[in-house]
Amino acid sequence: MNRILLGLLVMGMLGLACSSGGGGGVSETCIKITVDSVGRGDVQSTVTNQCSAPATLELMATCYDEAGQVEDRDVEYVEDLPAGDSEYVTFVFYPYDDIARCKAEVNKVY
């Protein structure tokens, strides 16, 4: 009987860890980032924490030329973004003339 109860307890704890993402309810899947505008030398983005807990983030923007070659990258950090909140992020680049497009992404969630 005790083995059955212990087994059920362990299975319940594993299920709880999996349902919460195993890391306090924060993962890359619930962090959203958009590119709002691309200027000469900067990219304006908005990052939103759709997780159930605060998140510290490492974000990266990459800009490409017409041929699809990487022109430049920038990494920025956002600390302790509360669950449900958004923050504006500015990535800064050398002011290239031939930037065709830029993308922003979540590198790491701490």
C-alpha atoms as a PDB file:
ATOM      1  CA  MET A   1       0.000   0.000   0.000  1.00  0.00           C
ATOM      2  CA  ASN A   2       2.809   2.402   0.907  1.00  0.00           C
ATOM      3  CA  ARG A   3       4.555   1.697  -2.409  1.00  0.00           C
ATOM      4  CA  ILE A   4       1.401   2.550  -4.309  1.00  0.00           C
ATOM      5  CA  LEU A   5       0.982   5.836  -2.420  1.00  0.00           C
ATOM      6  CA  LEU A   6       4.651   6.684  -2.931  1.00  0.00           C
ATOM      7  CA  GLY A   7       4.348   5.925  -6.662  1.00  0.00           C
ATOM      8  CA  LEU A   8       1.258   8.122  -6.979  1.00  0.00           C
ATOM      9  CA  LEU A   9       3.007  10.936  -5.119  1.00  0.00           C
ATOM     10  CA  VAL A  10       6.062  10.774  -7.400  1.00  0.00           C
ATOM     11  CA  MET A  11       3.877  10.663 -10.527  1.00  0.00           C
ATOM     12  CA  GLY A  12       1.903  13.668  -9.274  1.00  0.00           C
ATOM     13  CA  MET A  13       5.081  15.643  -8.630  1.00  0.00           C
ATOM     14  CA  LEU A  14       6.403  14.820 -12.106  1.00  0.00           C
ATOM     15  CA  GLY A  15       3.116  15.890 -13.658  1.00  0.00           C
ATOM     16  CA  LEU A  16       3.209  19.191 -11.762  1.00  0.00           C
ATOM     17  CA  ALA A  17       6.779  19.876 -12.885  1.00  0.00           C
ATOM     18  CA  CYS A  18       5.868  19.170 -16.509  1.00  0.00           C
ATOM     19  CA  SER A  19       2.694  21.249 -16.507  1.00  0.00           C
ATOM     20  CA  SER A  20       4.503  24.285 -15.086  1.00  0.00           C
ATOM     21  CA  GLY A  21       7.315  24.024 -17.626  1.00  0.00           C
ATOM     22  CA  GLY A  22       9.692  22.720 -14.998  1.00  0.00           C
ATOM     23  CA  GLY A  23      11.190  26.201 -14.584  1.00  0.00           C
ATOM     24  CA  GLY A  24       8.651  28.168 -12.620  1.00  0.00           C
ATOM     25  CA  GLY A  25       6.223  28.586 -15.513  1.00  0.00           C
ATOM     26  CA  VAL A  26       8.622  30.446 -17.836  1.00  0.00           C
ATOM     27  CA  SER A  27       9.802  29.166 -21.227  1.00  0.00           C
ATOM     28  CA  GLU A  28      10.625  30.554 -24.665  1.00  0.00           C
ATOM     29  CA  THR A  29       7.211  29.443 -25.925  1.00  0.00           C
ATOM     30  CA  CYS A  30       5.345  31.997 -23.818  1.00  0.00           C
ATOM     31  CA  ILE A  31       7.659  34.948 -24.589  1.00  0.00           C
ATOM     32  CA  LYS A  32       6.657  36.883 -27.716  1.00  0.00           C
ATOM     33  CA  ILE A  33       8.810  39.449 -29.523  1.00  0.00           C
ATOM     34  CA  THR A  34       7.908  41.585 -32.530  1.00  0.00           C
ATOM     35  CA  VAL A  35       9.844  43.988 -34.740  1.00  0.00           C
ATOM     36  CA  ASP A  36       7.926  47.267 -34.647  1.00  0.00           C
ATOM     37  CA  SER A  37      10.196  49.378 -36.850  1.00  0.00           C
ATOM     38  CA  VAL A  38      13.586  49.359 -38.533  1.00  0.00           C
ATOM     39  CA  GLY A  39      15.441  52.664 -38.648  1.00  0.00           C
ATOM     40  CA  ARG A  40      18.858  53.655 -39.829  1.00  0.00           C
ATOM     41  CA  GLY A  41      20.979  52.022 -37.155  1.00  0.00           C
ATOM     42  CA  ASP A  42      18.274  50.713 -34.847  1.00  0.00           C
ATOM     43  CA  VAL A  43      15.455  48.193 -34.561  1.00  0.00           C
ATOM     44  CA  GLN A  44      12.499  48.887 -32.260  1.00  0.00           C
ATOM     45  CA  SER A  45      10.848  45.788 -30.812  1.00  0.00           C
ATOM     46  CA  THR A  46       8.260  44.851 -28.227  1.00  0.00           C
ATOM     47  CA  VAL A  47       8.711  41.820 -25.980  1.00  0.00           C
ATOM     48  CA  THR A  48       5.722  40.398 -24.090  1.00  0.00           C
ATOM     49  CA  ASN A  49       5.822  37.935 -21.204  1.00  0.00           C
ATOM     50  CA  GLN A  50       2.794  35.667 -21.630  1.00  0.00           C
ATOM     51  CA  CYS A  51       4.145  33.259 -19.002  1.00  0.00           C
ATOM     52  CA  SER A  52       2.816  32.788 -15.483  1.00  0.00           C
ATOM     53  CA  ALA A  53       5.970  34.128 -13.779  1.00  0.00           C
ATOM     54  CA  PRO A  54       8.490  36.976 -14.191  1.00  0.00           C
ATOM     55  CA  ALA A  55      11.243  36.377 -16.752  1.00  0.00           C
ATOM     56  CA  THR A  56      14.768  37.609 -17.405  1.00  0.00           C
ATOM     57  CA  LEU A  57      15.519  37.459 -21.124  1.00  0.00           C
ATOM     58  CA  GLU A  58      18.396  37.527 -23.566  1.00  0.00           C
ATOM     59  CA  LEU A  59      17.092  38.857 -26.899  1.00  0.00           C
ATOM     60  CA  MET A  60      18.822  39.124 -30.267  1.00  0.00           C
ATOM     61  CA  ALA A  61      18.046  41.063 -33.426  1.00  0.00           C
ATOM     62  CA  THR A  62      19.677  40.164 -36.735  1.00  0.00           C
ATOM     63  CA  CYS A  63      19.613  42.339 -39.857  1.00  0.00           C
ATOM     64  CA  TYR A  64      20.158  41.074 -43.403  1.00  0.00           C
ATOM     65  CA  ASP A  65      21.010  42.613 -46.770  1.00  0.00           C
ATOM     66  CA  GLU A  66      19.118  42.007 -50.044  1.00  0.00           C
ATOM     67  CA  ALA A  67      21.126  38.807 -50.695  1.00  0.00           C
ATOM     68  CA  GLY A  68      20.139  37.395 -47.289  1.00  0.00           C
ATOM     69  CA  GLN A  69      23.597  37.813 -45.796  1.00  0.00           C
ATOM     70  CA  VAL A  70      23.863  38.869 -42.150  1.00  0.00           C
ATOM     71  CA  GLU A  71      24.812  42.543 -41.878  1.00  0.00           C
ATOM     72  CA  ASP A  72      24.793  42.888 -38.101  1.00  0.00           C
ATOM     73  CA  ARG A  73      23.483  41.457 -34.817  1.00  0.00           C
ATOM     74  CA  ASP A  74      22.777  42.980 -31.438  1.00  0.00           C
ATOM     75  CA  VAL A  75      21.963  41.348 -28.102  1.00  0.00           C
ATOM     76  CA  GLU A  76      19.926  43.080 -25.413  1.00  0.00           C
ATOM     77  CA  TYR A  77      18.729  41.945 -21.993  1.00  0.00           C
ATOM     78  CA  VAL A  78      15.448  42.471 -20.146  1.00  0.00           C
ATOM     79  CA  GLU A  79      15.478  41.713 -16.431  1.00  0.00           C
ATOM     80  CA  ASP A  80      12.500  40.583 -14.368  1.00  0.00           C
ATOM     81  CA  LEU A  81       9.743  41.287 -16.904  1.00  0.00           C
ATOM     82  CA  PRO A  82       6.547  40.623 -14.917  1.00  0.00           C
ATOM     83  CA  ALA A  83       4.045  38.057 -16.164  1.00  0.00           C
ATOM     84  CA  GLY A  84       1.581  39.699 -18.544  1.00  0.00           C
ATOM     85  CA  ASP A  85       3.731  42.803 -19.134  1.00  0.00           C
ATOM     86  CA  SER A  86       5.431  44.137 -22.257  1.00  0.00           C
ATOM     87  CA  GLU A  87       8.567  46.213 -22.697  1.00  0.00           C
ATOM     88  CA  TYR A  88      10.011  48.151 -25.615  1.00  0.00           C
ATOM     89  CA  VAL A  89      13.530  47.123 -26.645  1.00  0.00           C
ATOM     90  CA  THR A  90      15.916  49.051 -28.903  1.00  0.00           C
ATOM     91  CA  PHE A  91      18.625  47.125 -30.727  1.00  0.00           C
ATOM     92  CA  VAL A  92      21.456  49.337 -32.015  1.00  0.00           C
ATOM     93  CA  PHE A  93      23.419  48.676 -35.209  1.00  0.00           C
ATOM     94  CA  TYR A  94      25.974  50.322 -37.399  1.00  0.00           C
ATOM     95  CA  PRO A  95      23.889  52.426 -39.862  1.00  0.00           C
ATOM     96  CA  TYR A  96      24.186  50.223 -42.958  1.00  0.00           C
ATOM     97  CA  ASP A  97      22.545  51.493 -46.145  1.00  0.00           C
ATOM     98  CA  ASP A  98      21.616  48.081 -47.509  1.00  0.00           C
ATOM     99  CA  ILE A  99      19.528  46.568 -44.697  1.00  0.00           C
ATOM    100  CA  ALA A 100      16.671  44.652 -46.307  1.00  0.00           C
ATOM    101  CA  ARG A 101      15.045  43.077 -43.267  1.00  0.00           C
ATOM    102  CA  CYS A 102      15.547  42.387 -39.580  1.00  0.00           C
ATOM    103  CA  LYS A 103      14.256  39.779 -37.179  1.00  0.00           C
ATOM    104  CA  ALA A 104      14.192  39.639 -33.391  1.00  0.00           C
ATOM    105  CA  GLU A 105      14.178  36.486 -31.307  1.00  0.00           C
ATOM    106  CA  VAL A 106      14.476  35.152 -27.780  1.00  0.00           C
ATOM    107  CA  ASN A 107      17.948  33.660 -27.219  1.00  0.00           C
ATOM    108  CA  LYS A 108      17.556  32.585 -23.586  1.00  0.00           C
ATOM    109  CA  VAL A 109      15.060  32.709 -20.763  1.00  0.00           C
ATOM    110  CA  TYR A 110      16.552  32.811 -17.281  1.00  0.00           C
END
